[in-house]
PDB file of N, CA and C in Angstrom:
ATOM      1  N   MET A   1     156.187  97.070 108.007  1.00  0.00           N
ATOM      2  CA  MET A   1     155.875  95.885 108.844  1.00  0.00           C
ATOM      3  C   MET A   1     154.525  96.112 109.303  1.00  0.00           C
ATOM      4  N   TYR A   2     153.764  95.008 109.247  1.00  0.00           N
ATOM      5  CA  TYR A   2     152.275  95.022 109.681  1.00  0.00           C
ATOM      6  C   TYR A   2     152.179  94.522 111.217  1.00  0.00           C
ATOM      7  N   THR A   3     151.530  95.266 111.994  1.00  0.00           N
ATOM      8  CA  THR A   3     151.509  95.036 113.482  1.00  0.00           C
ATOM      9  C   THR A   3     150.112  94.675 113.809  1.00  0.00           C
ATOM     10  N   PRO A   4     149.865  94.104 114.989  1.00  0.00           N
ATOM     11  CA  PRO A   4     148.504  93.818 115.482  1.00  0.00           C
ATOM     12  C   PRO A   4     147.653  95.102 115.605  1.00  0.00           C
ATOM     13  N   ASP A   5     148.230  96.226 115.821  1.00  0.00           N
ATOM     14  CA  ASP A   5     147.403  97.506 115.832  1.00  0.00           C
ATOM     15  C   ASP A   5     146.857  97.832 114.458  1.00  0.00           C
ATOM     16  N   ASP A   6     147.592  97.473 113.458  1.00  0.00           N
ATOM     17  CA  ASP A   6     147.096  97.626 112.099  1.00  0.00           C
ATOM     18  C   ASP A   6     145.821  96.840 111.845  1.00  0.00           C
ATOM     19  N   THR A   7     145.773  95.687 112.381  1.00  0.00           N
ATOM     20  CA  THR A   7     144.567  94.833 112.230  1.00  0.00           C
ATOM     21  C   THR A   7     143.355  95.481 112.958  1.00  0.00           C
ATOM     22  N   ILE A   8     143.633  95.982 114.060  1.00  0.00           N
ATOM     23  CA  ILE A   8     142.497  96.728 114.863  1.00  0.00           C
ATOM     24  C   ILE A   8     142.026  97.930 114.082  1.00  0.00           C
ATOM     25  N   LEU A   9     143.013  98.628 113.556  1.00  0.00           N
ATOM     26  CA  LEU A   9     142.620  99.860 112.734  1.00  0.00           C
ATOM     27  C   LEU A   9     141.890  99.492 111.561  1.00  0.00           C
ATOM     28  N   ASP A  10     142.269  98.439 110.805  1.00  0.00           N
ATOM     29  CA  ASP A  10     141.538  97.919 109.614  1.00  0.00           C
ATOM     30  C   ASP A  10     140.172  97.543 109.957  1.00  0.00           C
ATOM     31  N   SER A  11     139.963  96.762 111.020  1.00  0.00           N
ATOM     32  CA  SER A  11     138.637  96.411 111.430  1.00  0.00           C
ATOM     33  C   SER A  11     137.633  97.573 111.850  1.00  0.00           C
ATOM     34  N   ASN A  12     138.361  98.591 112.471  1.00  0.00           N
ATOM     35  CA  ASN A  12     137.572  99.810 112.821  1.00  0.00           C
ATOM     36  C   ASN A  12     137.120 100.661 111.530  1.00  0.00           C
ATOM     37  N   LEU A  13     137.894 100.551 110.419  1.00  0.00           N
ATOM     38  CA  LEU A  13     137.544 101.250 109.211  1.00  0.00           C
ATOM     39  C   LEU A  13     136.477 100.560 108.511  1.00  0.00           C
ATOM     40  N   HIS A  14     136.130  99.273 108.843  1.00  0.00           N
ATOM     41  CA  HIS A  14     135.036  98.628 108.145  1.00  0.00           C
ATOM     42  C   HIS A  14     133.995  98.273 109.136  1.00  0.00           C
ATOM     43  N   SER A  15     133.934  98.821 110.314  1.00  0.00           N
ATOM     44  CA  SER A  15     132.914  98.573 111.235  1.00  0.00           C
ATOM     45  C   SER A  15     131.590  99.126 110.915  1.00  0.00           C
ATOM     46  N   PRO A  16     130.477  98.527 111.366  1.00  0.00           N
ATOM     47  CA  PRO A  16     129.166  99.162 111.055  1.00  0.00           C
ATOM     48  C   PRO A  16     129.027 100.718 111.539  1.00  0.00           C
ATOM     49  N   GLU A  17     129.660 100.953 112.666  1.00  0.00           N
ATOM     50  CA  GLU A  17     129.556 102.277 113.183  1.00  0.00           C
ATOM     51  C   GLU A  17     130.267 103.223 112.215  1.00  0.00           C
ATOM     52  N   ARG A  18     131.399 102.864 111.675  1.00  0.00           N
ATOM     53  CA  ARG A  18     132.104 103.662 110.692  1.00  0.00           C
ATOM     54  C   ARG A  18     131.293 103.794 109.397  1.00  0.00           C
ATOM     55  N   GLN A  19     130.667 102.678 108.889  1.00  0.00           N
ATOM     56  CA  GLN A  19     129.843 102.795 107.778  1.00  0.00           C
ATOM     57  C   GLN A  19     128.694 103.725 108.002  1.00  0.00           C
ATOM     58  N   LEU A  20     128.112 103.695 109.171  1.00  0.00           N
ATOM     59  CA  LEU A  20     127.076 104.582 109.400  1.00  0.00           C
ATOM     60  C   LEU A  20     127.460 106.112 109.367  1.00  0.00           C
ATOM     61  N   ILE A  21     128.578 106.297 109.931  1.00  0.00           N
ATOM     62  CA  ILE A  21     129.158 107.808 109.869  1.00  0.00           C
ATOM     63  C   ILE A  21     129.287 108.141 108.368  1.00  0.00           C
ATOM     64  N   GLU A  22     129.875 107.314 107.637  1.00  0.00           N
ATOM     65  CA  GLU A  22     130.115 107.648 106.187  1.00  0.00           C
ATOM     66  C   GLU A  22     128.787 107.858 105.437  1.00  0.00           C
ATOM     67  N   LEU A  23     127.746 107.032 105.750  1.00  0.00           N
ATOM     68  CA  LEU A  23     126.561 107.150 105.013  1.00  0.00           C
ATOM     69  C   LEU A  23     125.788 108.416 105.390  1.00  0.00           C
ATOM     70  N   ARG A  24     126.023 108.829 106.677  1.00  0.00           N
ATOM     71  CA  ARG A  24     125.343 110.096 107.163  1.00  0.00           C
ATOM     72  C   ARG A  24     126.061 111.308 106.518  1.00  0.00           C
ATOM     73  N   MET A  25     127.377 111.177 106.376  1.00  0.00           N
ATOM     74  CA  MET A  25     128.147 112.302 105.756  1.00  0.00           C
ATOM     75  C   MET A  25     127.702 112.378 104.265  1.00  0.00           C
ATOM     76  N   GLU A  26     127.510 111.282 103.532  1.00  0.00           N
ATOM     77  CA  GLU A  26     127.107 111.314 102.233  1.00  0.00           C
ATOM     78  C   GLU A  26     125.689 111.858 102.109  1.00  0.00           C
ATOM     79  N   HIS A  27     124.800 111.524 103.012  1.00  0.00           N
ATOM     80  CA  HIS A  27     123.448 111.996 103.005  1.00  0.00           C
ATOM     81  C   HIS A  27     123.465 113.531 103.229  1.00  0.00           C
ATOM     82  N   ALA A  28     124.225 114.042 104.162  1.00  0.00           N
ATOM     83  CA  ALA A  28     124.348 115.403 104.336  1.00  0.00           C
ATOM     84  C   ALA A  28     124.829 116.209 103.075  1.00  0.00           C
ATOM     85  N   ASP A  29     125.962 115.547 102.408  1.00  0.00           N
ATOM     86  CA  ASP A  29     126.388 116.215 101.167  1.00  0.00           C
ATOM     87  C   ASP A  29     125.358 116.279 100.184  1.00  0.00           C
ATOM     88  N   LEU A  30     124.512 115.205 100.037  1.00  0.00           N
ATOM     89  CA  LEU A  30     123.423 115.157  99.075  1.00  0.00           C
ATOM     90  C   LEU A  30     122.361 116.299  99.412  1.00  0.00           C
ATOM     91  N   ASP A  31     122.089 116.467 100.665  1.00  0.00           N
ATOM     92  CA  ASP A  31     121.135 117.490 101.109  1.00  0.00           C
ATOM     93  C   ASP A  31     121.673 118.799 100.608  1.00  0.00           C
ATOM     94  N   ALA A  32     122.892 119.049 100.850  1.00  0.00           N
ATOM     95  CA  ALA A  32     123.448 120.460 100.465  1.00  0.00           C
ATOM     96  C   ALA A  32     123.438 120.585  98.893  1.00  0.00           C
ATOM     97  N   MET A  33     123.787 119.547  98.185  1.00  0.00           N
ATOM     98  CA  MET A  33     123.811 119.505  96.714  1.00  0.00           C
ATOM     99  C   MET A  33     122.359 119.680  96.198  1.00  0.00           C
ATOM    100  N   ILE A  34     121.435 119.127  96.787  1.00  0.00           N
ATOM    101  CA  ILE A  34     120.038 119.200  96.361  1.00  0.00           C
ATOM    102  C   ILE A  34     119.496 120.676  96.574  1.00  0.00           C
ATOM    103  N   ASP A  35     119.891 121.252  97.715  1.00  0.00           N
ATOM    104  CA  ASP A  35     119.539 122.611  97.984  1.00  0.00           C
ATOM    105  C   ASP A  35     120.207 123.576  96.950  1.00  0.00           C
ATOM    106  N   ARG A  36     121.420 123.308  96.665  1.00  0.00           N
ATOM    107  CA  ARG A  36     122.061 124.202  95.612  1.00  0.00           C
ATOM    108  C   ARG A  36     121.450 124.086  94.279  1.00  0.00           C
ATOM    109  N   LEU A  37     121.114 122.893  93.870  1.00  0.00           N
ATOM    110  CA  LEU A  37     120.579 122.598  92.607  1.00  0.00           C
ATOM    111  C   LEU A  37     119.199 123.185  92.439  1.00  0.00           C
ATOM    112  N   ALA A  38     118.504 123.116  93.530  1.00  0.00           N
ATOM    113  CA  ALA A  38     117.087 123.642  93.484  1.00  0.00           C
ATOM    114  C   ALA A  38     117.044 125.173  93.375  1.00  0.00           C
ATOM    115  N   GLU A  39     118.145 125.830  93.740  1.00  0.00           N
ATOM    116  CA  GLU A  39     118.128 127.288  93.660  1.00  0.00           C
ATOM    117  C   GLU A  39     118.600 127.820  92.200  1.00  0.00           C
ATOM    118  N   GLN A  40     119.127 126.915  91.497  1.00  0.00           N
ATOM    119  CA  GLN A  40     119.693 127.193  90.084  1.00  0.00           C
ATOM    120  C   GLN A  40     118.633 127.483  89.134  1.00  0.00           C
ATOM    121  N   SER A  41     118.885 128.308  88.095  1.00  0.00           N
ATOM    122  CA  SER A  41     117.981 128.503  87.111  1.00  0.00           C
ATOM    123  C   SER A  41     118.797 128.336  85.797  1.00  0.00           C
ATOM    124  N   PRO A  42     118.370 127.646  84.728  1.00  0.00           N
ATOM    125  CA  PRO A  42     117.198 126.781  84.843  1.00  0.00           C
ATOM    126  C   PRO A  42     117.376 125.484  85.712  1.00  0.00           C
ATOM    127  N   LEU A  43     116.325 125.040  86.163  1.00  0.00           N
ATOM    128  CA  LEU A  43     116.222 123.865  87.148  1.00  0.00           C
ATOM    129  C   LEU A  43     116.416 122.676  86.375  1.00  0.00           C
ATOM    130  N   ASP A  44     117.412 121.805  86.684  1.00  0.00           N
ATOM    131  CA  ASP A  44     117.675 120.429  86.092  1.00  0.00           C
ATOM    132  C   ASP A  44     116.803 119.414  86.859  1.00  0.00           C
ATOM    133  N   GLU A  45     115.574 119.241  86.380  1.00  0.00           N
ATOM    134  CA  GLU A  45     114.604 118.333  87.048  1.00  0.00           C
ATOM    135  C   GLU A  45     115.179 116.931  87.159  1.00  0.00           C
ATOM    136  N   LEU A  46     115.699 116.406  86.112  1.00  0.00           N
ATOM    137  CA  LEU A  46     116.187 115.097  86.056  1.00  0.00           C
ATOM    138  C   LEU A  46     117.222 114.850  87.060  1.00  0.00           C
ATOM    139  N   MET A  47     118.250 115.685  87.199  1.00  0.00           N
ATOM    140  CA  MET A  47     119.249 115.581  88.112  1.00  0.00           C
ATOM    141  C   MET A  47     118.741 115.605  89.613  1.00  0.00           C
ATOM    142  N   LEU A  48     117.794 116.638  89.745  1.00  0.00           N
ATOM    143  CA  LEU A  48     117.140 116.766  91.112  1.00  0.00           C
ATOM    144  C   LEU A  48     116.481 115.499  91.432  1.00  0.00           C
ATOM    145  N   ARG A  49     115.758 114.848  90.570  1.00  0.00           N
ATOM    146  CA  ARG A  49     115.050 113.641  90.967  1.00  0.00           C
ATOM    147  C   ARG A  49     116.029 112.543  91.227  1.00  0.00           C
ATOM    148  N   ARG A  50     117.116 112.455  90.525  1.00  0.00           N
ATOM    149  CA  ARG A  50     118.135 111.321  90.765  1.00  0.00           C
ATOM    150  C   ARG A  50     118.828 111.556  92.084  1.00  0.00           C
ATOM    151  N   LEU A  51     119.049 112.710  92.414  1.00  0.00           N
ATOM    152  CA  LEU A  51     119.787 113.007  93.789  1.00  0.00           C
ATOM    153  C   LEU A  51     118.888 112.675  94.914  1.00  0.00           C
ATOM    154  N   LYS A  52     117.622 113.069  94.697  1.00  0.00           N
ATOM    155  CA  LYS A  52     116.597 112.841  95.807  1.00  0.00           C
ATOM    156  C   LYS A  52     116.298 111.279  95.881  1.00  0.00           C
ATOM    157  N   LYS A  53     116.348 110.602  94.830  1.00  0.00           N
ATOM    158  CA  LYS A  53     116.186 109.170  94.920  1.00  0.00           C
ATOM    159  C   LYS A  53     117.443 108.588  95.642  1.00  0.00           C
ATOM    160  N   ARG A  54     118.590 108.963  95.257  1.00  0.00           N
ATOM    161  CA  ARG A  54     119.852 108.555  96.018  1.00  0.00           C
ATOM    162  C   ARG A  54     119.791 108.903  97.474  1.00  0.00           C
ATOM    163  N   ARG A  55     119.406 109.998  97.874  1.00  0.00           N
ATOM    164  CA  ARG A  55     119.271 110.458  99.141  1.00  0.00           C
ATOM    165  C   ARG A  55     118.279 109.544  99.940  1.00  0.00           C
ATOM    166  N   LEU A  56     117.146 109.242  99.263  1.00  0.00           N
ATOM    167  CA  LEU A  56     116.239 108.259  99.857  1.00  0.00           C
ATOM    168  C   LEU A  56     116.817 106.964 100.132  1.00  0.00           C
ATOM    169  N   ALA A  57     117.558 106.377  99.168  1.00  0.00           N
ATOM    170  CA  ALA A  57     118.090 105.130  99.228  1.00  0.00           C
ATOM    171  C   ALA A  57     119.210 105.136 100.478  1.00  0.00           C
ATOM    172  N   LEU A  58     119.904 106.243 100.531  1.00  0.00           N
ATOM    173  CA  LEU A  58     120.895 106.341 101.638  1.00  0.00           C
ATOM    174  C   LEU A  58     120.165 106.357 103.043  1.00  0.00           C
ATOM    175  N   ARG A  59     118.955 107.064 103.096  1.00  0.00           N
ATOM    176  CA  ARG A  59     118.237 107.145 104.358  1.00  0.00           C
ATOM    177  C   ARG A  59     117.810 105.598 104.719  1.00  0.00           C
ATOM    178  N   ASP A  60     117.413 104.831 103.753  1.00  0.00           N
ATOM    179  CA  ASP A  60     117.048 103.476 103.967  1.00  0.00           C
ATOM    180  C   ASP A  60     118.136 102.643 104.550  1.00  0.00           C
ATOM    181  N   GLN A  61     119.261 102.860 103.894  1.00  0.00           N
ATOM    182  CA  GLN A  61     120.545 102.197 104.298  1.00  0.00           C
ATOM    183  C   GLN A  61     120.875 102.530 105.803  1.00  0.00           C
ATOM    184  N   ILE A  62     120.771 103.830 106.032  1.00  0.00           N
ATOM    185  CA  ILE A  62     121.156 104.378 107.420  1.00  0.00           C
ATOM    186  C   ILE A  62     120.222 103.637 108.282  1.00  0.00           C
ATOM    187  N   ALA A  63     118.888 103.649 108.056  1.00  0.00           N
ATOM    188  CA  ALA A  63     117.885 103.048 108.925  1.00  0.00           C
ATOM    189  C   ALA A  63     118.145 101.549 109.216  1.00  0.00           C
ATOM    190  N   ARG A  64     118.557 100.859 108.087  1.00  0.00           N
ATOM    191  CA  ARG A  64     118.814  99.448 108.282  1.00  0.00           C
ATOM    192  C   ARG A  64     119.990  99.215 109.201  1.00  0.00           C
ATOM    193  N   LEU A  65     121.052 100.020 108.973  1.00  0.00           N
ATOM    194  CA  LEU A  65     122.286  99.869 109.686  1.00  0.00           C
ATOM    195  C   LEU A  65     122.060 100.261 111.111  1.00  0.00           C
ATOM    196  N   GLU A  66     121.302 101.267 111.423  1.00  0.00           N
ATOM    197  CA  GLU A  66     121.062 101.719 112.833  1.00  0.00           C
ATOM    198  C   GLU A  66     120.281 100.567 113.507  1.00  0.00           C
ATOM    199  N   PHE A  67     119.310  99.975 112.818  1.00  0.00           N
ATOM    200  CA  PHE A  67     118.684  98.814 113.361  1.00  0.00           C
ATOM    201  C   PHE A  67     119.529  97.657 113.694  1.00  0.00           C
ATOM    202  N   ASP A  68     120.546  97.341 112.705  1.00  0.00           N
ATOM    203  CA  ASP A  68     121.472  96.323 112.926  1.00  0.00           C
ATOM    204  C   ASP A  68     122.389  96.588 114.183  1.00  0.00           C
ATOM    205  N   ILE A  69     122.743  97.815 114.339  1.00  0.00           N
ATOM    206  CA  ILE A  69     123.649  98.152 115.503  1.00  0.00           C
ATOM    207  C   ILE A  69     122.884  98.095 116.807  1.00  0.00           C
ATOM    208  N   ASP A  70     121.756  98.808 116.780  1.00  0.00           N
ATOM    209  CA  ASP A  70     120.896  98.938 118.003  1.00  0.00           C
ATOM    210  C   ASP A  70     120.039  97.818 118.304  1.00  0.00           C
ATOM    211  N   GLY A  71     119.517  97.162 117.286  1.00  0.00           N
ATOM    212  CA  GLY A  71     118.563  96.039 117.427  1.00  0.00           C
ATOM    213  C   GLY A  71     117.257  96.374 117.948  1.00  0.00           C
ATOM    214  N   LYS A  72     116.822  97.573 117.888  1.00  0.00           N
ATOM    215  CA  LYS A  72     115.538  98.012 118.431  1.00  0.00           C
ATOM    216  C   LYS A  72     114.725  98.504 117.378  1.00  0.00           C
ATOM    217  N   GLU A  73     113.446  98.488 117.485  1.00  0.00           N
ATOM    218  CA  GLU A  73     112.429  98.942 116.519  1.00  0.00           C
ATOM    219  C   GLU A  73     112.379 100.486 116.621  1.00  0.00           C
ATOM    220  N   PRO A  74     112.299 101.132 115.477  1.00  0.00           N
ATOM    221  CA  PRO A  74     112.204 102.653 115.620  1.00  0.00           C
ATOM    222  C   PRO A  74     110.904 103.045 116.127  1.00  0.00           C
ATOM    223  N   ALA A  75     110.844 104.181 116.850  1.00  0.00           N
ATOM    224  CA  ALA A  75     109.611 104.649 117.471  1.00  0.00           C
ATOM    225  C   ALA A  75     108.549 105.131 116.424  1.00  0.00           C
TER     226      ALA A  75
END
């Protein structure tokens, strides 16, 4: 049975704050993955570049979402 509490829970799952948390977690995971990959030998340059590009895109998404939530210009 679907209750009004389920609607609140669903809206919280898709809130900008929740998206921000998920993006930050993915960014942290990519950081760790990039560090591990950089220590491997032989170094997979292509994979490293792709991961860094994805990490940069995530950082941009995070900044846009933070701006949307706070509405303030970054310092």
